[in-house]
């Protein structure tokens, strides 16, 4: 089994890249289990999504708490399945949404207890580009989707990826270029 993580800021293209990768792998006869977080199929993911639109520091903690429980639930239920590839969208970088310095403590804690991989991709989009995408595509904004919040979270996330096994992808690039970069680094030579 190959474990792949695709993470990044809001509007960085995480889901887009995960769905493209899944389609490519399945077209080449591979089995793929994909989990997007927060997910909609369980209590923890639903609660995390509900609190994403609530303002205030308490809401930040509640979102992070339910988000992390959702990820742990996915690890326990899905990562052991007999698939060729397991792809998780939003994994450890949810800790960057916590207030400083708690985000560092939470990242180190979770990185020490959950599975990691050499195939963890952080899609790095500039806050300005992320904000432009959000304005164009979303009717309702989440708490963390202001330009100021995107800048703050990106700063913390870039620090966290610098201490982990992350590959940073320029998510301001065309979608196809990012897709090719992820494929090149994560696929075995037998998948052409």
C-alpha atoms as a PDB file:
ATOM      1  CA  UNK A   1       0.000   0.000   0.000  1.00  0.00           C
ATOM      2  CA  UNK A   2       1.194   3.502  -0.855  1.00  0.00           C
ATOM      3  CA  UNK A   3       0.087   6.241   1.554  1.00  0.00           C
ATOM      4  CA  UNK A   4      -0.194   9.740   0.036  1.00  0.00           C
ATOM      5  CA  UNK A   5      -1.140  12.955   1.824  1.00  0.00           C
ATOM      6  CA  UNK A   6      -2.272  16.098   0.008  1.00  0.00           C
ATOM      7  CA  UNK A   7      -2.529  19.138   2.255  1.00  0.00           C
ATOM      8  CA  UNK A   8      -2.494  22.927   2.022  1.00  0.00           C
ATOM      9  CA  UNK A   9      -4.397  26.128   2.667  1.00  0.00           C
ATOM     10  CA  UNK A  10      -8.038  26.586   1.780  1.00  0.00           C
ATOM     11  CA  UNK A  11      -8.404  26.915  -2.020  1.00  0.00           C
ATOM     12  CA  UNK A  12      -4.955  25.472  -2.714  1.00  0.00           C
ATOM     13  CA  UNK A  13      -6.405  22.723  -4.915  1.00  0.00           C
ATOM     14  CA  UNK A  14      -6.105  19.756  -2.548  1.00  0.00           C
ATOM     15  CA  UNK A  15      -9.362  18.061  -3.523  1.00  0.00           C
ATOM     16  CA  UNK A  16      -8.822  18.789  -7.208  1.00  0.00           C
ATOM     17  CA  UNK A  17      -5.414  17.100  -7.132  1.00  0.00           C
ATOM     18  CA  UNK A  18      -6.642  14.154  -5.065  1.00  0.00           C
ATOM     19  CA  UNK A  19      -9.533  13.440  -7.444  1.00  0.00           C
ATOM     20  CA  UNK A  20      -7.222  13.718 -10.467  1.00  0.00           C
ATOM     21  CA  UNK A  21      -4.715  11.356  -8.862  1.00  0.00           C
ATOM     22  CA  UNK A  22      -7.444   8.872  -7.938  1.00  0.00           C
ATOM     23  CA  UNK A  23      -8.870   8.918 -11.477  1.00  0.00           C
ATOM     24  CA  UNK A  24      -5.408   8.399 -12.993  1.00  0.00           C
ATOM     25  CA  UNK A  25      -4.584   5.489 -10.675  1.00  0.00           C
ATOM     26  CA  UNK A  26      -7.950   3.799 -11.178  1.00  0.00           C
ATOM     27  CA  UNK A  27      -7.586   4.150 -14.963  1.00  0.00           C
ATOM     28  CA  UNK A  28      -4.369   2.163 -14.547  1.00  0.00           C
ATOM     29  CA  UNK A  29      -6.038  -0.664 -12.626  1.00  0.00           C
ATOM     30  CA  UNK A  30      -5.056   0.452  -9.130  1.00  0.00           C
ATOM     31  CA  UNK A  31      -7.384   0.408  -6.140  1.00  0.00           C
ATOM     32  CA  UNK A  32      -7.604   3.693  -4.265  1.00  0.00           C
ATOM     33  CA  UNK A  33      -9.118   4.608  -0.905  1.00  0.00           C
ATOM     34  CA  UNK A  34      -9.479   8.382  -0.578  1.00  0.00           C
ATOM     35  CA  UNK A  35     -10.523  10.384   2.498  1.00  0.00           C
ATOM     36  CA  UNK A  36     -11.242  14.110   2.517  1.00  0.00           C
ATOM     37  CA  UNK A  37     -11.235  15.943   5.848  1.00  0.00           C
ATOM     38  CA  UNK A  38     -13.318  17.167   7.442  1.00  0.00           C
ATOM     39  CA  UNK A  39     -15.549  14.418   6.106  1.00  0.00           C
ATOM     40  CA  UNK A  40     -19.335  14.389   5.947  1.00  0.00           C
ATOM     41  CA  UNK A  41     -19.925  10.737   6.809  1.00  0.00           C
ATOM     42  CA  UNK A  42     -19.388  10.869  10.570  1.00  0.00           C
ATOM     43  CA  UNK A  43     -20.147  12.936  13.664  1.00  0.00           C
ATOM     44  CA  UNK A  44     -16.631  14.374  14.058  1.00  0.00           C
ATOM     45  CA  UNK A  45     -16.343  15.611  10.485  1.00  0.00           C
ATOM     46  CA  UNK A  46     -19.845  17.084  10.489  1.00  0.00           C
ATOM     47  CA  UNK A  47     -19.169  18.945  13.752  1.00  0.00           C
ATOM     48  CA  UNK A  48     -15.848  20.276  12.429  1.00  0.00           C
ATOM     49  CA  UNK A  49     -17.622  21.615   9.326  1.00  0.00           C
ATOM     50  CA  UNK A  50     -20.337  23.254  11.440  1.00  0.00           C
ATOM     51  CA  UNK A  51     -17.803  25.161  13.527  1.00  0.00           C
ATOM     52  CA  UNK A  52     -15.797  26.334  10.499  1.00  0.00           C
ATOM     53  CA  UNK A  53     -18.237  29.221  10.115  1.00  0.00           C
ATOM     54  CA  UNK A  54     -18.301  30.185  13.808  1.00  0.00           C
ATOM     55  CA  UNK A  55     -16.087  33.101  14.843  1.00  0.00           C
ATOM     56  CA  UNK A  56     -13.940  33.272  17.965  1.00  0.00           C
ATOM     57  CA  UNK A  57     -10.976  31.496  19.489  1.00  0.00           C
ATOM     58  CA  UNK A  58     -13.136  28.875  21.192  1.00  0.00           C
ATOM     59  CA  UNK A  59     -14.466  27.889  17.779  1.00  0.00           C
ATOM     60  CA  UNK A  60     -10.852  27.440  16.566  1.00  0.00           C
ATOM     61  CA  UNK A  61     -10.250  24.888  19.302  1.00  0.00           C
ATOM     62  CA  UNK A  62     -13.538  23.085  18.665  1.00  0.00           C
ATOM     63  CA  UNK A  63     -12.870  22.888  14.903  1.00  0.00           C
ATOM     64  CA  UNK A  64      -9.347  21.579  15.490  1.00  0.00           C
ATOM     65  CA  UNK A  65     -10.537  19.052  18.072  1.00  0.00           C
ATOM     66  CA  UNK A  66     -13.268  17.557  15.877  1.00  0.00           C
ATOM     67  CA  UNK A  67     -11.048  17.735  12.789  1.00  0.00           C
ATOM     68  CA  UNK A  68      -8.305  15.746  14.500  1.00  0.00           C
ATOM     69  CA  UNK A  69     -10.807  13.163  15.738  1.00  0.00           C
ATOM     70  CA  UNK A  70     -12.121  12.871  12.174  1.00  0.00           C
ATOM     71  CA  UNK A  71      -8.587  12.228  10.862  1.00  0.00           C
ATOM     72  CA  UNK A  72      -7.856   9.654  13.581  1.00  0.00           C
ATOM     73  CA  UNK A  73     -11.161   7.946  12.776  1.00  0.00           C
ATOM     74  CA  UNK A  74     -10.151   7.759   9.107  1.00  0.00           C
ATOM     75  CA  UNK A  75      -6.778   6.279  10.021  1.00  0.00           C
ATOM     76  CA  UNK A  76      -8.394   3.625  12.190  1.00  0.00           C
ATOM     77  CA  UNK A  77     -11.111   2.718   9.687  1.00  0.00           C
ATOM     78  CA  UNK A  78      -9.572   3.248   6.270  1.00  0.00           C
ATOM     79  CA  UNK A  79      -5.778   3.212   6.196  1.00  0.00           C
ATOM     80  CA  UNK A  80      -5.576  -0.536   6.802  1.00  0.00           C
ATOM     81  CA  UNK A  81      -7.830  -1.478   3.895  1.00  0.00           C
ATOM     82  CA  UNK A  82      -6.259  -3.565   1.200  1.00  0.00           C
ATOM     83  CA  UNK A  83      -5.860  -0.904  -1.446  1.00  0.00           C
ATOM     84  CA  UNK A  84      -2.930  -0.148  -3.668  1.00  0.00           C
ATOM     85  CA  UNK A  85      -3.097   3.539  -2.670  1.00  0.00           C
ATOM     86  CA  UNK A  86      -4.558   5.409   0.293  1.00  0.00           C
ATOM     87  CA  UNK A  87      -4.918   9.163  -0.284  1.00  0.00           C
ATOM     88  CA  UNK A  88      -5.730  11.502   2.612  1.00  0.00           C
ATOM     89  CA  UNK A  89      -6.718  15.088   1.899  1.00  0.00           C
ATOM     90  CA  UNK A  90      -6.034  17.391   4.843  1.00  0.00           C
ATOM     91  CA  UNK A  91      -4.060  15.545   7.425  1.00  0.00           C
ATOM     92  CA  UNK A  92      -1.513  17.130   9.763  1.00  0.00           C
ATOM     93  CA  UNK A  93      -1.783  20.721   8.544  1.00  0.00           C
ATOM     94  CA  UNK A  94      -5.098  21.169  10.319  1.00  0.00           C
ATOM     95  CA  UNK A  95      -2.908  21.914  13.338  1.00  0.00           C
ATOM     96  CA  UNK A  96      -1.758  25.169  11.661  1.00  0.00           C
ATOM     97  CA  UNK A  97      -5.236  26.554  12.327  1.00  0.00           C
ATOM     98  CA  UNK A  98      -4.653  26.425  16.091  1.00  0.00           C
ATOM     99  CA  UNK A  99      -3.381  29.525  17.922  1.00  0.00           C
ATOM    100  CA  UNK A 100       0.388  29.902  18.400  1.00  0.00           C
ATOM    101  CA  UNK A 101       2.325  28.176  19.913  1.00  0.00           C
ATOM    102  CA  UNK A 102      -0.244  25.395  20.361  1.00  0.00           C
ATOM    103  CA  UNK A 103      -0.052  24.607  16.634  1.00  0.00           C
ATOM    104  CA  UNK A 104       3.563  23.412  17.034  1.00  0.00           C
ATOM    105  CA  UNK A 105       2.771  21.233  20.032  1.00  0.00           C
ATOM    106  CA  UNK A 106      -0.262  19.704  18.315  1.00  0.00           C
ATOM    107  CA  UNK A 107       1.681  19.067  15.087  1.00  0.00           C
ATOM    108  CA  UNK A 108       4.531  17.311  16.915  1.00  0.00           C
ATOM    109  CA  UNK A 109       2.100  15.274  18.973  1.00  0.00           C
ATOM    110  CA  UNK A 110       0.024  14.092  16.027  1.00  0.00           C
ATOM    111  CA  UNK A 111       3.030  13.557  13.757  1.00  0.00           C
ATOM    112  CA  UNK A 112       4.434  11.230  16.409  1.00  0.00           C
ATOM    113  CA  UNK A 113       1.297   9.072  16.725  1.00  0.00           C
ATOM    114  CA  UNK A 114      -0.256   8.933  13.242  1.00  0.00           C
ATOM    115  CA  UNK A 115       1.255   7.281  10.176  1.00  0.00           C
ATOM    116  CA  UNK A 116       3.391   9.534   8.002  1.00  0.00           C
ATOM    117  CA  UNK A 117       4.789   9.022   4.555  1.00  0.00           C
ATOM    118  CA  UNK A 118       7.552  10.186   2.267  1.00  0.00           C
ATOM    119  CA  UNK A 119       4.702  11.171  -0.058  1.00  0.00           C
ATOM    120  CA  UNK A 120       3.201  14.109   1.804  1.00  0.00           C
ATOM    121  CA  UNK A 121       2.512  17.062  -0.470  1.00  0.00           C
ATOM    122  CA  UNK A 122       1.856  20.592   0.758  1.00  0.00           C
ATOM    123  CA  UNK A 123       0.181  22.670  -1.949  1.00  0.00           C
ATOM    124  CA  UNK A 124       1.562  26.129  -1.279  1.00  0.00           C
ATOM    125  CA  UNK A 125      -0.686  28.831  -2.661  1.00  0.00           C
ATOM    126  CA  UNK A 126      -0.119  32.498  -1.916  1.00  0.00           C
ATOM    127  CA  UNK A 127      -2.772  33.948   0.380  1.00  0.00           C
ATOM    128  CA  UNK A 128      -3.715  36.453  -2.310  1.00  0.00           C
ATOM    129  CA  UNK A 129      -4.348  33.713  -4.876  1.00  0.00           C
ATOM    130  CA  UNK A 130      -6.235  31.580  -2.344  1.00  0.00           C
ATOM    131  CA  UNK A 131      -8.406  34.551  -1.425  1.00  0.00           C
ATOM    132  CA  UNK A 132      -9.089  35.312  -5.106  1.00  0.00           C
ATOM    133  CA  UNK A 133     -10.199  31.700  -5.661  1.00  0.00           C
ATOM    134  CA  UNK A 134     -12.409  31.790  -2.568  1.00  0.00           C
ATOM    135  CA  UNK A 135     -14.076  35.012  -3.705  1.00  0.00           C
ATOM    136  CA  UNK A 136     -14.776  33.519  -7.132  1.00  0.00           C
ATOM    137  CA  UNK A 137     -16.106  30.141  -6.050  1.00  0.00           C
ATOM    138  CA  UNK A 138     -17.741  30.359  -2.622  1.00  0.00           C
ATOM    139  CA  UNK A 139     -20.955  31.977  -1.559  1.00  0.00           C
ATOM    140  CA  UNK A 140     -20.295  31.528   2.146  1.00  0.00           C
ATOM    141  CA  UNK A 141     -16.858  31.988   3.700  1.00  0.00           C
ATOM    142  CA  UNK A 142     -15.421  30.034   6.571  1.00  0.00           C
ATOM    143  CA  UNK A 143     -13.793  31.670   9.589  1.00  0.00           C
ATOM    144  CA  UNK A 144     -10.275  31.128   8.245  1.00  0.00           C
ATOM    145  CA  UNK A 145     -10.901  32.425   4.724  1.00  0.00           C
ATOM    146  CA  UNK A 146     -10.045  36.100   5.116  1.00  0.00           C
ATOM    147  CA  UNK A 147      -6.839  37.378   3.558  1.00  0.00           C
ATOM    148  CA  UNK A 148      -5.396  38.093   7.012  1.00  0.00           C
ATOM    149  CA  UNK A 149      -6.211  34.577   8.264  1.00  0.00           C
ATOM    150  CA  UNK A 150      -4.809  32.958   5.116  1.00  0.00           C
ATOM    151  CA  UNK A 151      -1.536  34.855   5.584  1.00  0.00           C
ATOM    152  CA  UNK A 152      -1.317  33.889   9.246  1.00  0.00           C
ATOM    153  CA  UNK A 153      -2.081  30.211   8.628  1.00  0.00           C
ATOM    154  CA  UNK A 154       0.278  29.943   5.654  1.00  0.00           C
ATOM    155  CA  UNK A 155       3.128  31.321   7.777  1.00  0.00           C
ATOM    156  CA  UNK A 156       2.512  28.686  10.455  1.00  0.00           C
ATOM    157  CA  UNK A 157       1.981  25.891   7.917  1.00  0.00           C
ATOM    158  CA  UNK A 158       5.247  26.649   6.104  1.00  0.00           C
ATOM    159  CA  UNK A 159       7.091  26.379   9.409  1.00  0.00           C
ATOM    160  CA  UNK A 160       5.433  23.027  10.117  1.00  0.00           C
ATOM    161  CA  UNK A 161       6.221  21.567   6.696  1.00  0.00           C
ATOM    162  CA  UNK A 162       9.857  22.594   7.151  1.00  0.00           C
ATOM    163  CA  UNK A 163      10.185  20.185  10.094  1.00  0.00           C
ATOM    164  CA  UNK A 164       8.393  17.257   8.486  1.00  0.00           C
ATOM    165  CA  UNK A 165       8.780  15.000   5.457  1.00  0.00           C
ATOM    166  CA  UNK A 166       6.799  17.311   3.172  1.00  0.00           C
ATOM    167  CA  UNK A 167       7.247  18.106  -0.492  1.00  0.00           C
ATOM    168  CA  UNK A 168       6.162  21.677  -1.195  1.00  0.00           C
ATOM    169  CA  UNK A 169       4.332  22.141  -4.498  1.00  0.00           C
ATOM    170  CA  UNK A 170       3.734  25.581  -6.009  1.00  0.00           C
ATOM    171  CA  UNK A 171      -0.074  25.655  -6.059  1.00  0.00           C
ATOM    172  CA  UNK A 172      -0.107  28.937  -7.994  1.00  0.00           C
ATOM    173  CA  UNK A 173       1.033  26.851 -10.975  1.00  0.00           C
ATOM    174  CA  UNK A 174      -1.395  25.424 -13.540  1.00  0.00           C
ATOM    175  CA  UNK A 175      -3.398  22.433 -12.265  1.00  0.00           C
ATOM    176  CA  UNK A 176      -1.814  20.085 -14.822  1.00  0.00           C
ATOM    177  CA  UNK A 177       1.726  21.030 -13.722  1.00  0.00           C
ATOM    178  CA  UNK A 178       0.906  20.268 -10.085  1.00  0.00           C
ATOM    179  CA  UNK A 179      -0.733  16.995 -11.105  1.00  0.00           C
ATOM    180  CA  UNK A 180       2.358  15.959 -13.077  1.00  0.00           C
ATOM    181  CA  UNK A 181       4.608  16.844 -10.123  1.00  0.00           C
ATOM    182  CA  UNK A 182       2.602  14.708  -7.733  1.00  0.00           C
ATOM    183  CA  UNK A 183       2.489  11.799 -10.195  1.00  0.00           C
ATOM    184  CA  UNK A 184       6.225  11.974 -10.875  1.00  0.00           C
ATOM    185  CA  UNK A 185       7.131  11.839  -7.196  1.00  0.00           C
ATOM    186  CA  UNK A 186       4.562   9.350  -5.975  1.00  0.00           C
ATOM    187  CA  UNK A 187       3.991   6.733  -8.624  1.00  0.00           C
ATOM    188  CA  UNK A 188       5.914   3.582  -9.216  1.00  0.00           C
ATOM    189  CA  UNK A 189       7.555   3.078 -12.622  1.00  0.00           C
ATOM    190  CA  UNK A 190       4.924   0.442 -13.430  1.00  0.00           C
ATOM    191  CA  UNK A 191       2.197   3.086 -13.686  1.00  0.00           C
ATOM    192  CA  UNK A 192       2.782   4.990 -16.914  1.00  0.00           C
END
